Amino acid sequence: MRRYALAGIGLLDTIGGSLAKATEDPGSRTAALIAFLVTASGLTIFGIASVFWGLLAGVIAHLITRKPASA
């Protein structure tokens, strides 16, 4: 158990940097946060892991929140 805690602490800087980079663009910030939170939740539906559901939720959030291109 202690090894997992040390590994988690060792990855905090990497996770923080990745999350900061993902939320840099205001247009995709919401979708990135939704994808991260769903993935981190550990949600499993029909035996499918949270990684898939996070990706799906992020894509759906991006499609809903993106601004249509101006003509």
PDB file of N, CA and C in Angstrom:
ATOM      1  N   MET A   1       0.826  -1.199   0.000  1.00  0.00           N
ATOM      2  CA  MET A   1       0.000   0.000   0.000  1.00  0.00           C
ATOM      3  C   MET A   1       0.867   1.260   0.000  1.00  0.00           C
ATOM      4  N   ARG A   2       1.965   1.209   0.717  1.00  0.00           N
ATOM      5  CA  ARG A   2       2.852   2.371   0.804  1.00  0.00           C
ATOM      6  C   ARG A   2       3.462   2.718  -0.552  1.00  0.00           C
ATOM      7  N   ARG A   3       3.734   1.675  -1.352  1.00  0.00           N
ATOM      8  CA  ARG A   3       4.318   1.920  -2.675  1.00  0.00           C
ATOM      9  C   ARG A   3       3.365   2.712  -3.561  1.00  0.00           C
ATOM     10  N   TYR A   4       2.067   2.408  -3.464  1.00  0.00           N
ATOM     11  CA  TYR A   4       1.079   3.127  -4.278  1.00  0.00           C
ATOM     12  C   TYR A   4       1.019   4.593  -3.873  1.00  0.00           C
ATOM     13  N   ALA A   5       1.096   4.846  -2.596  1.00  0.00           N
ATOM     14  CA  ALA A   5       1.071   6.224  -2.103  1.00  0.00           C
ATOM     15  C   ALA A   5       2.290   6.981  -2.607  1.00  0.00           C
ATOM     16  N   LEU A   6       3.456   6.352  -2.552  1.00  0.00           N
ATOM     17  CA  LEU A   6       4.672   7.012  -3.041  1.00  0.00           C
ATOM     18  C   LEU A   6       4.609   7.253  -4.541  1.00  0.00           C
ATOM     19  N   ALA A   7       4.069   6.285  -5.273  1.00  0.00           N
ATOM     20  CA  ALA A   7       3.929   6.460  -6.720  1.00  0.00           C
ATOM     21  C   ALA A   7       2.971   7.610  -7.021  1.00  0.00           C
ATOM     22  N   GLY A   8       1.871   7.696  -6.270  1.00  0.00           N
ATOM     23  CA  GLY A   8       0.912   8.783  -6.460  1.00  0.00           C
ATOM     24  C   GLY A   8       1.523  10.143  -6.171  1.00  0.00           C
ATOM     25  N   ILE A   9       2.284  10.233  -5.105  1.00  0.00           N
ATOM     26  CA  ILE A   9       2.944  11.495  -4.754  1.00  0.00           C
ATOM     27  C   ILE A   9       3.971  11.866  -5.822  1.00  0.00           C
ATOM     28  N   GLY A  10       4.663  10.868  -6.337  1.00  0.00           N
ATOM     29  CA  GLY A  10       5.654  11.119  -7.380  1.00  0.00           C
ATOM     30  C   GLY A  10       5.043  11.611  -8.680  1.00  0.00           C
ATOM     31  N   LEU A  11       3.791  11.272  -8.915  1.00  0.00           N
ATOM     32  CA  LEU A  11       3.128  11.667 -10.161  1.00  0.00           C
ATOM     33  C   LEU A  11       2.317  12.957 -10.047  1.00  0.00           C
ATOM     34  N   LEU A  12       2.250  13.552  -8.862  1.00  0.00           N
ATOM     35  CA  LEU A  12       1.441  14.761  -8.680  1.00  0.00           C
ATOM     36  C   LEU A  12       1.868  15.893  -9.613  1.00  0.00           C
ATOM     37  N   ASP A  13       3.164  16.100  -9.754  1.00  0.00           N
ATOM     38  CA  ASP A  13       3.647  17.174 -10.626  1.00  0.00           C
ATOM     39  C   ASP A  13       3.266  16.912 -12.084  1.00  0.00           C
ATOM     40  N   THR A  14       3.388  15.672 -12.511  1.00  0.00           N
ATOM     41  CA  THR A  14       3.024  15.307 -13.881  1.00  0.00           C
ATOM     42  C   THR A  14       1.532  15.485 -14.115  1.00  0.00           C
ATOM     43  N   ILE A  15       0.728  15.028 -13.183  1.00  0.00           N
ATOM     44  CA  ILE A  15      -0.721  15.154 -13.312  1.00  0.00           C
ATOM     45  C   ILE A  15      -1.123  16.633 -13.315  1.00  0.00           C
ATOM     46  N   GLY A  16      -0.533  17.405 -12.416  1.00  0.00           N
ATOM     47  CA  GLY A  16      -0.836  18.840 -12.358  1.00  0.00           C
ATOM     48  C   GLY A  16      -0.448  19.563 -13.630  1.00  0.00           C
ATOM     49  N   GLY A  17       0.718  19.256 -14.161  1.00  0.00           N
ATOM     50  CA  GLY A  17       1.162  19.886 -15.413  1.00  0.00           C
ATOM     51  C   GLY A  17       0.277  19.516 -16.586  1.00  0.00           C
ATOM     52  N   SER A  18      -0.115  18.248 -16.643  1.00  0.00           N
ATOM     53  CA  SER A  18      -0.987  17.797 -17.728  1.00  0.00           C
ATOM     54  C   SER A  18      -2.368  18.441 -17.636  1.00  0.00           C
ATOM     55  N   LEU A  19      -2.888  18.543 -16.429  1.00  0.00           N
ATOM     56  CA  LEU A  19      -4.198  19.164 -16.242  1.00  0.00           C
ATOM     57  C   LEU A  19      -4.141  20.656 -16.573  1.00  0.00           C
ATOM     58  N   ALA A  20      -3.054  21.315 -16.199  1.00  0.00           N
ATOM     59  CA  ALA A  20      -2.893  22.736 -16.527  1.00  0.00           C
ATOM     60  C   ALA A  20      -2.823  22.937 -18.041  1.00  0.00           C
ATOM     61  N   LYS A  21      -2.102  22.073 -18.727  1.00  0.00           N
ATOM     62  CA  LYS A  21      -1.992  22.166 -20.190  1.00  0.00           C
ATOM     63  C   LYS A  21      -3.339  21.891 -20.856  1.00  0.00           C
ATOM     64  N   ALA A  22      -4.081  20.912 -20.331  1.00  0.00           N
ATOM     65  CA  ALA A  22      -5.375  20.552 -20.919  1.00  0.00           C
ATOM     66  C   ALA A  22      -6.403  21.658 -20.742  1.00  0.00           C
ATOM     67  N   THR A  23      -6.278  22.445 -19.677  1.00  0.00           N
ATOM     68  CA  THR A  23      -7.261  23.499 -19.412  1.00  0.00           C
ATOM     69  C   THR A  23      -6.767  24.882 -19.832  1.00  0.00           C
ATOM     70  N   GLU A  24      -5.671  24.946 -20.573  1.00  0.00           N
ATOM     71  CA  GLU A  24      -5.116  26.218 -21.028  1.00  0.00           C
ATOM     72  C   GLU A  24      -6.071  26.963 -21.961  1.00  0.00           C
ATOM     73  N   ASP A  25      -6.655  26.242 -22.905  1.00  0.00           N
ATOM     74  CA  ASP A  25      -7.555  26.846 -23.886  1.00  0.00           C
ATOM     75  C   ASP A  25      -8.953  26.970 -23.283  1.00  0.00           C
ATOM     76  N   PRO A  26      -9.446  28.212 -23.121  1.00  0.00           N
ATOM     77  CA  PRO A  26     -10.771  28.385 -22.507  1.00  0.00           C
ATOM     78  C   PRO A  26     -11.891  27.681 -23.264  1.00  0.00           C
ATOM     79  N   GLY A  27     -11.744  27.502 -24.564  1.00  0.00           N
ATOM     80  CA  GLY A  27     -12.784  26.867 -25.362  1.00  0.00           C
ATOM     81  C   GLY A  27     -12.948  25.385 -25.093  1.00  0.00           C
ATOM     82  N   SER A  28     -11.892  24.736 -24.620  1.00  0.00           N
ATOM     83  CA  SER A  28     -11.983  23.297 -24.365  1.00  0.00           C
ATOM     84  C   SER A  28     -11.791  22.955 -22.891  1.00  0.00           C
ATOM     85  N   ARG A  29     -11.773  23.959 -22.036  1.00  0.00           N
ATOM     86  CA  ARG A  29     -11.541  23.747 -20.604  1.00  0.00           C
ATOM     87  C   ARG A  29     -12.607  22.860 -19.970  1.00  0.00           C
ATOM     88  N   THR A  30     -13.865  23.128 -20.258  1.00  0.00           N
ATOM     89  CA  THR A  30     -14.950  22.356 -19.660  1.00  0.00           C
ATOM     90  C   THR A  30     -14.881  20.892 -20.082  1.00  0.00           C
ATOM     91  N   ALA A  31     -14.679  20.652 -21.356  1.00  0.00           N
ATOM     92  CA  ALA A  31     -14.607  19.276 -21.845  1.00  0.00           C
ATOM     93  C   ALA A  31     -13.424  18.536 -21.219  1.00  0.00           C
ATOM     94  N   ALA A  32     -12.288  19.204 -21.091  1.00  0.00           N
ATOM     95  CA  ALA A  32     -11.105  18.580 -20.493  1.00  0.00           C
ATOM     96  C   ALA A  32     -11.351  18.224 -19.030  1.00  0.00           C
ATOM     97  N   LEU A  33     -11.983  19.120 -18.297  1.00  0.00           N
ATOM     98  CA  LEU A  33     -12.263  18.851 -16.885  1.00  0.00           C
ATOM     99  C   LEU A  33     -13.273  17.719 -16.717  1.00  0.00           C
ATOM    100  N   ILE A  34     -14.290  17.691 -17.561  1.00  0.00           N
ATOM    101  CA  ILE A  34     -15.275  16.614 -17.492  1.00  0.00           C
ATOM    102  C   ILE A  34     -14.609  15.271 -17.790  1.00  0.00           C
ATOM    103  N   ALA A  35     -13.781  15.235 -18.827  1.00  0.00           N
ATOM    104  CA  ALA A  35     -13.080  13.993 -19.163  1.00  0.00           C
ATOM    105  C   ALA A  35     -12.191  13.542 -18.006  1.00  0.00           C
ATOM    106  N   PHE A  36     -11.469  14.474 -17.403  1.00  0.00           N
ATOM    107  CA  PHE A  36     -10.587  14.138 -16.280  1.00  0.00           C
ATOM    108  C   PHE A  36     -11.373  13.618 -15.088  1.00  0.00           C
ATOM    109  N   LEU A  37     -12.438  14.301 -14.727  1.00  0.00           N
ATOM    110  CA  LEU A  37     -13.213  13.919 -13.550  1.00  0.00           C
ATOM    111  C   LEU A  37     -13.914  12.575 -13.720  1.00  0.00           C
ATOM    112  N   VAL A  38     -14.472  12.326 -14.899  1.00  0.00           N
ATOM    113  CA  VAL A  38     -15.130  11.036 -15.132  1.00  0.00           C
ATOM    114  C   VAL A  38     -14.096   9.913 -15.107  1.00  0.00           C
ATOM    115  N   THR A  39     -12.943  10.142 -15.708  1.00  0.00           N
ATOM    116  CA  THR A  39     -11.892   9.129 -15.703  1.00  0.00           C
ATOM    117  C   THR A  39     -11.382   8.876 -14.285  1.00  0.00           C
ATOM    118  N   ALA A  40     -11.170   9.934 -13.524  1.00  0.00           N
ATOM    119  CA  ALA A  40     -10.658   9.797 -12.157  1.00  0.00           C
ATOM    120  C   ALA A  40     -11.684   9.184 -11.208  1.00  0.00           C
ATOM    121  N   SER A  41     -12.954   9.219 -11.584  1.00  0.00           N
ATOM    122  CA  SER A  41     -14.002   8.714 -10.699  1.00  0.00           C
ATOM    123  C   SER A  41     -13.958   7.199 -10.535  1.00  0.00           C
ATOM    124  N   GLY A  42     -13.388   6.509 -11.503  1.00  0.00           N
ATOM    125  CA  GLY A  42     -13.365   5.052 -11.440  1.00  0.00           C
ATOM    126  C   GLY A  42     -14.675   4.415 -11.876  1.00  0.00           C
ATOM    127  N   LEU A  43     -15.506   5.157 -12.553  1.00  0.00           N
ATOM    128  CA  LEU A  43     -16.807   4.688 -13.023  1.00  0.00           C
ATOM    129  C   LEU A  43     -16.653   3.475 -13.947  1.00  0.00           C
ATOM    130  N   THR A  44     -17.386   2.418 -13.650  1.00  0.00           N
ATOM    131  CA  THR A  44     -17.400   1.235 -14.510  1.00  0.00           C
ATOM    132  C   THR A  44     -18.853   0.881 -14.793  1.00  0.00           C
ATOM    133  N   ILE A  45     -19.213   0.850 -16.071  1.00  0.00           N
ATOM    134  CA  ILE A  45     -20.559   0.501 -16.496  1.00  0.00           C
ATOM    135  C   ILE A  45     -20.447  -0.613 -17.531  1.00  0.00           C
ATOM    136  N   PHE A  46     -21.238  -1.689 -17.337  1.00  0.00           N
ATOM    137  CA  PHE A  46     -21.222  -2.842 -18.239  1.00  0.00           C
ATOM    138  C   PHE A  46     -19.823  -3.442 -18.362  1.00  0.00           C
ATOM    139  N   GLY A  47     -19.025  -3.330 -17.313  1.00  0.00           N
ATOM    140  CA  GLY A  47     -17.677  -3.873 -17.331  1.00  0.00           C
ATOM    141  C   GLY A  47     -16.681  -3.041 -18.116  1.00  0.00           C
ATOM    142  N   ILE A  48     -17.086  -1.850 -18.543  1.00  0.00           N
ATOM    143  CA  ILE A  48     -16.204  -0.962 -19.299  1.00  0.00           C
ATOM    144  C   ILE A  48     -15.645   0.074 -18.332  1.00  0.00           C
ATOM    145  N   ALA A  49     -14.326   0.236 -18.325  1.00  0.00           N
ATOM    146  CA  ALA A  49     -13.630   1.074 -17.343  1.00  0.00           C
ATOM    147  C   ALA A  49     -13.851   2.563 -17.583  1.00  0.00           C
ATOM    148  N   SER A  50     -13.493   3.332 -16.566  1.00  0.00           N
ATOM    149  CA  SER A  50     -13.702   4.783 -16.576  1.00  0.00           C
ATOM    150  C   SER A  50     -12.895   5.499 -17.651  1.00  0.00           C
ATOM    151  N   VAL A  51     -11.822   4.886 -18.129  1.00  0.00           N
ATOM    152  CA  VAL A  51     -11.035   5.528 -19.180  1.00  0.00           C
ATOM    153  C   VAL A  51     -11.897   5.756 -20.423  1.00  0.00           C
ATOM    154  N   PHE A  52     -12.656   4.741 -20.795  1.00  0.00           N
ATOM    155  CA  PHE A  52     -13.546   4.875 -21.947  1.00  0.00           C
ATOM    156  C   PHE A  52     -14.621   5.917 -21.695  1.00  0.00           C
ATOM    157  N   TRP A  53     -15.255   5.845 -20.512  1.00  0.00           N
ATOM    158  CA  TRP A  53     -16.353   6.761 -20.210  1.00  0.00           C
ATOM    159  C   TRP A  53     -15.857   8.202 -20.108  1.00  0.00           C
ATOM    160  N   GLY A  54     -14.642   8.397 -19.615  1.00  0.00           N
ATOM    161  CA  GLY A  54     -14.067   9.737 -19.556  1.00  0.00           C
ATOM    162  C   GLY A  54     -13.840  10.309 -20.943  1.00  0.00           C
ATOM    163  N   LEU A  55     -13.306   9.476 -21.827  1.00  0.00           N
ATOM    164  CA  LEU A  55     -13.096   9.905 -23.213  1.00  0.00           C
ATOM    165  C   LEU A  55     -14.426  10.243 -23.877  1.00  0.00           C
ATOM    166  N   LEU A  56     -15.405   9.385 -23.704  1.00  0.00           N
ATOM    167  CA  LEU A  56     -16.723   9.615 -24.291  1.00  0.00           C
ATOM    168  C   LEU A  56     -17.366  10.888 -23.730  1.00  0.00           C
ATOM    169  N   ALA A  57     -17.302  11.068 -22.417  1.00  0.00           N
ATOM    170  CA  ALA A  57     -17.882  12.263 -21.797  1.00  0.00           C
ATOM    171  C   ALA A  57     -17.173  13.527 -22.267  1.00  0.00           C
ATOM    172  N   GLY A  58     -15.851  13.460 -22.409  1.00  0.00           N
ATOM    173  CA  GLY A  58     -15.098  14.612 -22.889  1.00  0.00           C
ATOM    174  C   GLY A  58     -15.450  14.994 -24.321  1.00  0.00           C
ATOM    175  N   VAL A  59     -15.589  13.987 -25.173  1.00  0.00           N
ATOM    176  CA  VAL A  59     -15.951  14.252 -26.575  1.00  0.00           C
ATOM    177  C   VAL A  59     -17.355  14.850 -26.665  1.00  0.00           C
ATOM    178  N   ILE A  60     -18.285  14.274 -25.914  1.00  0.00           N
ATOM    179  CA  ILE A  60     -19.659  14.795 -25.923  1.00  0.00           C
ATOM    180  C   ILE A  60     -19.696  16.223 -25.384  1.00  0.00           C
ATOM    181  N   ALA A  61     -18.978  16.483 -24.304  1.00  0.00           N
ATOM    182  CA  ALA A  61     -18.928  17.840 -23.741  1.00  0.00           C
ATOM    183  C   ALA A  61     -18.311  18.817 -24.726  1.00  0.00           C
ATOM    184  N   HIS A  62     -17.285  18.375 -25.433  1.00  0.00           N
ATOM    185  CA  HIS A  62     -16.651  19.248 -26.432  1.00  0.00           C
ATOM    186  C   HIS A  62     -17.620  19.565 -27.569  1.00  0.00           C
ATOM    187  N   LEU A  63     -18.347  18.569 -28.033  1.00  0.00           N
ATOM    188  CA  LEU A  63     -19.298  18.799 -29.118  1.00  0.00           C
ATOM    189  C   LEU A  63     -20.432  19.729 -28.685  1.00  0.00           C
ATOM    190  N   ILE A  64     -20.847  19.631 -27.431  1.00  0.00           N
ATOM    191  CA  ILE A  64     -21.929  20.479 -26.931  1.00  0.00           C
ATOM    192  C   ILE A  64     -21.460  21.906 -26.697  1.00  0.00           C
ATOM    193  N   THR A  65     -20.244  22.068 -26.172  1.00  0.00           N
ATOM    194  CA  THR A  65     -19.803  23.414 -25.761  1.00  0.00           C
ATOM    195  C   THR A  65     -19.028  24.175 -26.825  1.00  0.00           C
ATOM    196  N   ARG A  66     -18.645  23.542 -27.906  1.00  0.00           N
ATOM    197  CA  ARG A  66     -17.864  24.281 -28.911  1.00  0.00           C
ATOM    198  C   ARG A  66     -18.731  25.310 -29.600  1.00  0.00           C
ATOM    199  N   LYS A  67     -18.100  26.376 -30.020  1.00  0.00           N
ATOM    200  CA  LYS A  67     -18.817  27.436 -30.712  1.00  0.00           C
ATOM    201  C   LYS A  67     -18.846  27.129 -32.211  1.00  0.00           C
ATOM    202  N   PRO A  68     -19.975  27.344 -32.839  1.00  0.00           N
ATOM    203  CA  PRO A  68     -20.035  27.086 -34.294  1.00  0.00           C
ATOM    204  C   PRO A  68     -19.127  28.061 -35.038  1.00  0.00           C
ATOM    205  N   ALA A  69     -18.554  27.584 -36.122  1.00  0.00           N
ATOM    206  CA  ALA A  69     -17.658  28.418 -36.944  1.00  0.00           C
ATOM    207  C   ALA A  69     -18.436  29.551 -37.582  1.00  0.00           C
ATOM    208  N   SER A  70     -17.844  30.728 -37.566  1.00  0.00           N
ATOM    209  CA  SER A  70     -18.481  31.896 -38.191  1.00  0.00           C
ATOM    210  C   SER A  70     -18.266  31.834 -39.689  1.00  0.00           C
ATOM    211  N   ALA A  71     -19.292  32.236 -40.427  1.00  0.00           N
ATOM    212  CA  ALA A  71     -19.198  32.211 -41.890  1.00  0.00           C
ATOM    213  C   ALA A  71     -18.593  33.475 -42.418  1.00  0.00           C
TER     214      ALA A  71
END
